[in-house]
Amino acid sequence: MDYHSRITSEPGKRGGKPCIRGLRITVYDVLEMLAAGQTHEAILADFPELDTDDILACLAFAADRERQLASVHG
């Protein structure tokens, strides 16, 4: 998935952390919920402004970030 159109960073919003579509929901918020065992459906129920592709974009962002770190440290 190409997450670039869904994940944005703005200096004045949430400290410049990557957010979903300019909303105040960060990638890290979603990743923490997933890590805590919440299902996609539960996250979407808690945040109706999100959709499934937003969650997938967070996962793709995290995978890309991990790949970048691995190439720097590898």
PDB file of N, CA and C in Angstrom:
ATOM      1  N   MET A   1       0.838  -1.183   0.000  1.00  0.00           N
ATOM      2  CA  MET A   1       0.000   0.000   0.000  1.00  0.00           C
ATOM      3  C   MET A   1       0.879   1.242   0.000  1.00  0.00           C
ATOM      4  N   ASP A   2       0.490   2.229  -0.789  1.00  0.00           N
ATOM      5  CA  ASP A   2       1.182   3.510  -0.790  1.00  0.00           C
ATOM      6  C   ASP A   2       0.527   4.405   0.260  1.00  0.00           C
ATOM      7  N   TYR A   3       1.209   4.547   1.379  1.00  0.00           N
ATOM      8  CA  TYR A   3       0.650   5.285   2.508  1.00  0.00           C
ATOM      9  C   TYR A   3       0.858   6.793   2.396  1.00  0.00           C
ATOM     10  N   HIS A   4       1.634   7.242   1.450  1.00  0.00           N
ATOM     11  CA  HIS A   4       2.041   8.647   1.393  1.00  0.00           C
ATOM     12  C   HIS A   4       0.873   9.619   1.271  1.00  0.00           C
ATOM     13  N   SER A   5      -0.211   9.227   0.660  1.00  0.00           N
ATOM     14  CA  SER A   5      -1.354  10.135   0.533  1.00  0.00           C
ATOM     15  C   SER A   5      -2.205  10.159   1.807  1.00  0.00           C
ATOM     16  N   ARG A   6      -1.994   9.210   2.706  1.00  0.00           N
ATOM     17  CA  ARG A   6      -2.803   9.131   3.928  1.00  0.00           C
ATOM     18  C   ARG A   6      -2.065   9.592   5.177  1.00  0.00           C
ATOM     19  N   ILE A   7      -0.769   9.476   5.186  1.00  0.00           N
ATOM     20  CA  ILE A   7       0.015   9.825   6.370  1.00  0.00           C
ATOM     21  C   ILE A   7       0.651  11.195   6.133  1.00  0.00           C
ATOM     22  N   THR A   8       0.346  12.134   7.023  1.00  0.00           N
ATOM     23  CA  THR A   8       0.839  13.499   6.890  1.00  0.00           C
ATOM     24  C   THR A   8       1.559  13.913   8.169  1.00  0.00           C
ATOM     25  N   SER A   9       2.452  14.877   8.024  1.00  0.00           N
ATOM     26  CA  SER A   9       3.126  15.455   9.184  1.00  0.00           C
ATOM     27  C   SER A   9       3.072  16.970   9.060  1.00  0.00           C
ATOM     28  N   GLU A  10       2.572  17.615  10.103  1.00  0.00           N
ATOM     29  CA  GLU A  10       2.501  19.071  10.139  1.00  0.00           C
ATOM     30  C   GLU A  10       3.182  19.532  11.419  1.00  0.00           C
ATOM     31  N   PRO A  11       4.122  20.467  11.320  1.00  0.00           N
ATOM     32  CA  PRO A  11       4.880  20.899  12.502  1.00  0.00           C
ATOM     33  C   PRO A  11       4.006  21.324  13.683  1.00  0.00           C
ATOM     34  N   GLY A  12       2.890  21.983  13.453  1.00  0.00           N
ATOM     35  CA  GLY A  12       2.055  22.471  14.543  1.00  0.00           C
ATOM     36  C   GLY A  12       1.008  21.494  15.045  1.00  0.00           C
ATOM     37  N   LYS A  13       0.962  20.316  14.469  1.00  0.00           N
ATOM     38  CA  LYS A  13      -0.069  19.349  14.849  1.00  0.00           C
ATOM     39  C   LYS A  13       0.587  18.137  15.486  1.00  0.00           C
ATOM     40  N   ARG A  14       0.195  17.864  16.733  1.00  0.00           N
ATOM     41  CA  ARG A  14       0.701  16.702  17.483  1.00  0.00           C
ATOM     42  C   ARG A  14       2.223  16.639  17.453  1.00  0.00           C
ATOM     43  N   GLY A  15       2.861  17.795  17.559  1.00  0.00           N
ATOM     44  CA  GLY A  15       4.313  17.859  17.617  1.00  0.00           C
ATOM     45  C   GLY A  15       5.010  17.397  16.353  1.00  0.00           C
ATOM     46  N   GLY A  16       4.312  17.453  15.225  1.00  0.00           N
ATOM     47  CA  GLY A  16       4.906  17.033  13.956  1.00  0.00           C
ATOM     48  C   GLY A  16       4.912  15.539  13.740  1.00  0.00           C
ATOM     49  N   LYS A  17       4.275  14.791  14.654  1.00  0.00           N
ATOM     50  CA  LYS A  17       4.222  13.336  14.484  1.00  0.00           C
ATOM     51  C   LYS A  17       3.373  12.989  13.260  1.00  0.00           C
ATOM     52  N   PRO A  18       3.656  11.859  12.631  1.00  0.00           N
ATOM     53  CA  PRO A  18       2.860  11.438  11.477  1.00  0.00           C
ATOM     54  C   PRO A  18       1.412  11.171  11.899  1.00  0.00           C
ATOM     55  N   CYS A  19       0.490  11.837  11.212  1.00  0.00           N
ATOM     56  CA  CYS A  19      -0.943  11.705  11.502  1.00  0.00           C
ATOM     57  C   CYS A  19      -1.656  11.130  10.282  1.00  0.00           C
ATOM     58  N   ILE A  20      -2.868  10.708  10.506  1.00  0.00           N
ATOM     59  CA  ILE A  20      -3.675  10.122   9.440  1.00  0.00           C
ATOM     60  C   ILE A  20      -4.523  11.213   8.797  1.00  0.00           C
ATOM     61  N   ARG A  21      -4.296  11.437   7.509  1.00  0.00           N
ATOM     62  CA  ARG A  21      -5.056  12.380   6.683  1.00  0.00           C
ATOM     63  C   ARG A  21      -5.260  13.745   7.334  1.00  0.00           C
ATOM     64  N   GLY A  22      -4.271  14.241   8.022  1.00  0.00           N
ATOM     65  CA  GLY A  22      -4.371  15.560   8.623  1.00  0.00           C
ATOM     66  C   GLY A  22      -5.199  15.613   9.896  1.00  0.00           C
ATOM     67  N   LEU A  23      -5.715  14.475  10.315  1.00  0.00           N
ATOM     68  CA  LEU A  23      -6.475  14.416  11.559  1.00  0.00           C
ATOM     69  C   LEU A  23      -5.500  14.465  12.730  1.00  0.00           C
ATOM     70  N   ARG A  24      -6.008  14.540  13.930  1.00  0.00           N
ATOM     71  CA  ARG A  24      -5.147  14.570  15.115  1.00  0.00           C
ATOM     72  C   ARG A  24      -4.884  13.162  15.660  1.00  0.00           C
ATOM     73  N   ILE A  25      -5.139  12.157  14.851  1.00  0.00           N
ATOM     74  CA  ILE A  25      -4.883  10.763  15.225  1.00  0.00           C
ATOM     75  C   ILE A  25      -3.543  10.373  14.619  1.00  0.00           C
ATOM     76  N   THR A  26      -2.583  10.010  15.482  1.00  0.00           N
ATOM     77  CA  THR A  26      -1.251   9.685  14.970  1.00  0.00           C
ATOM     78  C   THR A  26      -1.157   8.218  14.551  1.00  0.00           C
ATOM     79  N   VAL A  27      -0.165   7.964  13.724  1.00  0.00           N
ATOM     80  CA  VAL A  27       0.155   6.590  13.344  1.00  0.00           C
ATOM     81  C   VAL A  27       0.426   5.782  14.602  1.00  0.00           C
ATOM     82  N   TYR A  28       1.151   6.386  15.544  1.00  0.00           N
ATOM     83  CA  TYR A  28       1.520   5.685  16.775  1.00  0.00           C
ATOM     84  C   TYR A  28       0.293   5.331  17.614  1.00  0.00           C
ATOM     85  N   ASP A  29      -0.731   6.209  17.612  1.00  0.00           N
ATOM     86  CA  ASP A  29      -1.980   5.903  18.332  1.00  0.00           C
ATOM     87  C   ASP A  29      -2.562   4.592  17.798  1.00  0.00           C
ATOM     88  N   VAL A  30      -2.648   4.496  16.488  1.00  0.00           N
ATOM     89  CA  VAL A  30      -3.238   3.310  15.859  1.00  0.00           C
ATOM     90  C   VAL A  30      -2.366   2.079  16.102  1.00  0.00           C
ATOM     91  N   LEU A  31      -1.059   2.234  15.961  1.00  0.00           N
ATOM     92  CA  LEU A  31      -0.168   1.091  16.179  1.00  0.00           C
ATOM     93  C   LEU A  31      -0.245   0.600  17.621  1.00  0.00           C
ATOM     94  N   GLU A  32      -0.341   1.515  18.573  1.00  0.00           N
ATOM     95  CA  GLU A  32      -0.465   1.111  19.979  1.00  0.00           C
ATOM     96  C   GLU A  32      -1.762   0.347  20.222  1.00  0.00           C
ATOM     97  N   MET A  33      -2.849   0.790  19.593  1.00  0.00           N
ATOM     98  CA  MET A  33      -4.122   0.079  19.749  1.00  0.00           C
ATOM     99  C   MET A  33      -4.030  -1.327  19.170  1.00  0.00           C
ATOM    100  N   LEU A  34      -3.408  -1.446  18.002  1.00  0.00           N
ATOM    101  CA  LEU A  34      -3.238  -2.769  17.398  1.00  0.00           C
ATOM    102  C   LEU A  34      -2.357  -3.652  18.272  1.00  0.00           C
ATOM    103  N   ALA A  35      -1.272  -3.090  18.798  1.00  0.00           N
ATOM    104  CA  ALA A  35      -0.368  -3.848  19.661  1.00  0.00           C
ATOM    105  C   ALA A  35      -1.054  -4.288  20.941  1.00  0.00           C
ATOM    106  N   ALA A  36      -2.029  -3.520  21.387  1.00  0.00           N
ATOM    107  CA  ALA A  36      -2.772  -3.872  22.599  1.00  0.00           C
ATOM    108  C   ALA A  36      -3.838  -4.933  22.334  1.00  0.00           C
ATOM    109  N   GLY A  37      -3.965  -5.316  21.064  1.00  0.00           N
ATOM    110  CA  GLY A  37      -4.907  -6.387  20.732  1.00  0.00           C
ATOM    111  C   GLY A  37      -6.246  -5.923  20.206  1.00  0.00           C
ATOM    112  N   GLN A  38      -6.417  -4.614  20.001  1.00  0.00           N
ATOM    113  CA  GLN A  38      -7.682  -4.140  19.449  1.00  0.00           C
ATOM    114  C   GLN A  38      -7.796  -4.559  17.989  1.00  0.00           C
ATOM    115  N   THR A  39      -8.978  -4.910  17.594  1.00  0.00           N
ATOM    116  CA  THR A  39      -9.226  -5.290  16.205  1.00  0.00           C
ATOM    117  C   THR A  39      -9.427  -4.037  15.359  1.00  0.00           C
ATOM    118  N   HIS A  40      -9.326  -4.222  14.056  1.00  0.00           N
ATOM    119  CA  HIS A  40      -9.608  -3.114  13.139  1.00  0.00           C
ATOM    120  C   HIS A  40     -11.008  -2.585  13.399  1.00  0.00           C
ATOM    121  N   GLU A  41     -11.943  -3.497  13.590  1.00  0.00           N
ATOM    122  CA  GLU A  41     -13.335  -3.105  13.793  1.00  0.00           C
ATOM    123  C   GLU A  41     -13.496  -2.249  15.051  1.00  0.00           C
ATOM    124  N   ALA A  42     -12.798  -2.611  16.118  1.00  0.00           N
ATOM    125  CA  ALA A  42     -12.884  -1.843  17.369  1.00  0.00           C
ATOM    126  C   ALA A  42     -12.292  -0.449  17.188  1.00  0.00           C
ATOM    127  N   ILE A  43     -11.190  -0.359  16.480  1.00  0.00           N
ATOM    128  CA  ILE A  43     -10.567   0.946  16.235  1.00  0.00           C
ATOM    129  C   ILE A  43     -11.497   1.813  15.399  1.00  0.00           C
ATOM    130  N   LEU A  44     -12.088   1.235  14.368  1.00  0.00           N
ATOM    131  CA  LEU A  44     -12.999   1.987  13.512  1.00  0.00           C
ATOM    132  C   LEU A  44     -14.254   2.421  14.258  1.00  0.00           C
ATOM    133  N   ALA A  45     -14.686   1.622  15.219  1.00  0.00           N
ATOM    134  CA  ALA A  45     -15.842   2.001  16.031  1.00  0.00           C
ATOM    135  C   ALA A  45     -15.495   3.169  16.956  1.00  0.00           C
ATOM    136  N   ASP A  46     -14.273   3.155  17.498  1.00  0.00           N
ATOM    137  CA  ASP A  46     -13.827   4.245  18.379  1.00  0.00           C
ATOM    138  C   ASP A  46     -13.523   5.522  17.609  1.00  0.00           C
ATOM    139  N   PHE A  47     -13.079   5.376  16.374  1.00  0.00           N
ATOM    140  CA  PHE A  47     -12.700   6.524  15.545  1.00  0.00           C
ATOM    141  C   PHE A  47     -13.397   6.427  14.195  1.00  0.00           C
ATOM    142  N   PRO A  48     -14.673   6.807  14.133  1.00  0.00           N
ATOM    143  CA  PRO A  48     -15.441   6.642  12.892  1.00  0.00           C
ATOM    144  C   PRO A  48     -14.915   7.466  11.713  1.00  0.00           C
ATOM    145  N   GLU A  49     -14.031   8.443  11.993  1.00  0.00           N
ATOM    146  CA  GLU A  49     -13.454   9.223  10.897  1.00  0.00           C
ATOM    147  C   GLU A  49     -12.369   8.441  10.144  1.00  0.00           C
ATOM    148  N   LEU A  50     -11.949   7.294  10.690  1.00  0.00           N
ATOM    149  CA  LEU A  50     -10.969   6.439  10.032  1.00  0.00           C
ATOM    150  C   LEU A  50     -11.656   5.375   9.192  1.00  0.00           C
ATOM    151  N   ASP A  51     -10.901   4.813   8.256  1.00  0.00           N
ATOM    152  CA  ASP A  51     -11.391   3.651   7.520  1.00  0.00           C
ATOM    153  C   ASP A  51     -10.291   2.586   7.484  1.00  0.00           C
ATOM    154  N   THR A  52     -10.619   1.451   6.954  1.00  0.00           N
ATOM    155  CA  THR A  52      -9.688   0.328   6.945  1.00  0.00           C
ATOM    156  C   THR A  52      -8.379   0.683   6.252  1.00  0.00           C
ATOM    157  N   ASP A  53      -8.449   1.437   5.174  1.00  0.00           N
ATOM    158  CA  ASP A  53      -7.224   1.812   4.466  1.00  0.00           C
ATOM    159  C   ASP A  53      -6.319   2.690   5.332  1.00  0.00           C
ATOM    160  N   ASP A  54      -6.892   3.456   6.252  1.00  0.00           N
ATOM    161  CA  ASP A  54      -6.075   4.252   7.175  1.00  0.00           C
ATOM    162  C   ASP A  54      -5.256   3.346   8.090  1.00  0.00           C
ATOM    163  N   ILE A  55      -5.872   2.293   8.580  1.00  0.00           N
ATOM    164  CA  ILE A  55      -5.168   1.343   9.444  1.00  0.00           C
ATOM    165  C   ILE A  55      -4.062   0.633   8.658  1.00  0.00           C
ATOM    166  N   LEU A  56      -4.385   0.219   7.438  1.00  0.00           N
ATOM    167  CA  LEU A  56      -3.380  -0.430   6.591  1.00  0.00           C
ATOM    168  C   LEU A  56      -2.238   0.526   6.260  1.00  0.00           C
ATOM    169  N   ALA A  57      -2.548   1.811   6.087  1.00  0.00           N
ATOM    170  CA  ALA A  57      -1.506   2.808   5.822  1.00  0.00           C
ATOM    171  C   ALA A  57      -0.580   2.938   7.027  1.00  0.00           C
ATOM    172  N   CYS A  58      -1.115   2.864   8.241  1.00  0.00           N
ATOM    173  CA  CYS A  58      -0.280   2.916   9.444  1.00  0.00           C
ATOM    174  C   CYS A  58       0.674   1.726   9.484  1.00  0.00           C
ATOM    175  N   LEU A  59       0.175   0.569   9.148  1.00  0.00           N
ATOM    176  CA  LEU A  59       1.023  -0.628   9.131  1.00  0.00           C
ATOM    177  C   LEU A  59       2.093  -0.526   8.045  1.00  0.00           C
ATOM    178  N   ALA A  60       1.722  -0.020   6.877  1.00  0.00           N
ATOM    179  CA  ALA A  60       2.692   0.148   5.796  1.00  0.00           C
ATOM    180  C   ALA A  60       3.748   1.181   6.182  1.00  0.00           C
ATOM    181  N   PHE A  61       3.339   2.257   6.842  1.00  0.00           N
ATOM    182  CA  PHE A  61       4.274   3.277   7.315  1.00  0.00           C
ATOM    183  C   PHE A  61       5.269   2.654   8.292  1.00  0.00           C
ATOM    184  N   ALA A  62       4.764   1.873   9.236  1.00  0.00           N
ATOM    185  CA  ALA A  62       5.633   1.234  10.236  1.00  0.00           C
ATOM    186  C   ALA A  62       6.599   0.257   9.570  1.00  0.00           C
ATOM    187  N   ALA A  63       6.114  -0.505   8.598  1.00  0.00           N
ATOM    188  CA  ALA A  63       6.977  -1.454   7.894  1.00  0.00           C
ATOM    189  C   ALA A  63       8.070  -0.716   7.127  1.00  0.00           C
ATOM    190  N   ASP A  64       7.709   0.382   6.493  1.00  0.00           N
ATOM    191  CA  ASP A  64       8.686   1.162   5.749  1.00  0.00           C
ATOM    192  C   ASP A  64       9.713   1.779   6.688  1.00  0.00           C
ATOM    193  N   ARG A  65       9.262   2.299   7.806  1.00  0.00           N
ATOM    194  CA  ARG A  65      10.179   2.889   8.786  1.00  0.00           C
ATOM    195  C   ARG A  65      11.147   1.822   9.304  1.00  0.00           C
ATOM    196  N   GLU A  66      10.650   0.641   9.560  1.00  0.00           N
ATOM    197  CA  GLU A  66      11.500  -0.461  10.039  1.00  0.00           C
ATOM    198  C   GLU A  66      12.528  -0.855   8.979  1.00  0.00           C
ATOM    199  N   ARG A  67      12.082  -0.898   7.733  1.00  0.00           N
ATOM    200  CA  ARG A  67      12.997  -1.217   6.628  1.00  0.00           C
ATOM    201  C   ARG A  67      14.104  -0.178   6.534  1.00  0.00           C
ATOM    202  N   GLN A  68      13.751   1.091   6.697  1.00  0.00           N
ATOM    203  CA  GLN A  68      14.743   2.161   6.642  1.00  0.00           C
ATOM    204  C   GLN A  68      15.746   2.023   7.793  1.00  0.00           C
ATOM    205  N   LEU A  69      15.262   1.730   8.985  1.00  0.00           N
ATOM    206  CA  LEU A  69      16.156   1.548  10.130  1.00  0.00           C
ATOM    207  C   LEU A  69      17.083   0.360   9.922  1.00  0.00           C
ATOM    208  N   ALA A  70      16.547  -0.718   9.392  1.00  0.00           N
ATOM    209  CA  ALA A  70      17.343  -1.924   9.170  1.00  0.00           C
ATOM    210  C   ALA A  70      18.445  -1.656   8.147  1.00  0.00           C
ATOM    211  N   SER A  71      18.155  -0.849   7.143  1.00  0.00           N
ATOM    212  CA  SER A  71      19.176  -0.584   6.121  1.00  0.00           C
ATOM    213  C   SER A  71      20.260   0.340   6.656  1.00  0.00           C
ATOM    214  N   VAL A  72      19.923   1.206   7.604  1.00  0.00           N
ATOM    215  CA  VAL A  72      20.902   2.106   8.206  1.00  0.00           C
ATOM    216  C   VAL A  72      21.805   1.338   9.162  1.00  0.00           C
ATOM    217  N   HIS A  73      21.199   0.424   9.930  1.00  0.00           N
ATOM    218  CA  HIS A  73      21.943  -0.313  10.949  1.00  0.00           C
ATOM    219  C   HIS A  73      22.483  -1.653  10.453  1.00  0.00           C
ATOM    220  N   GLY A  74      22.077  -2.039   9.260  1.00  0.00           N
ATOM    221  CA  GLY A  74      22.466  -3.355   8.779  1.00  0.00           C
ATOM    222  C   GLY A  74      23.743  -3.301   8.064  1.00  0.00           C
TER     223      GLY A  74
END
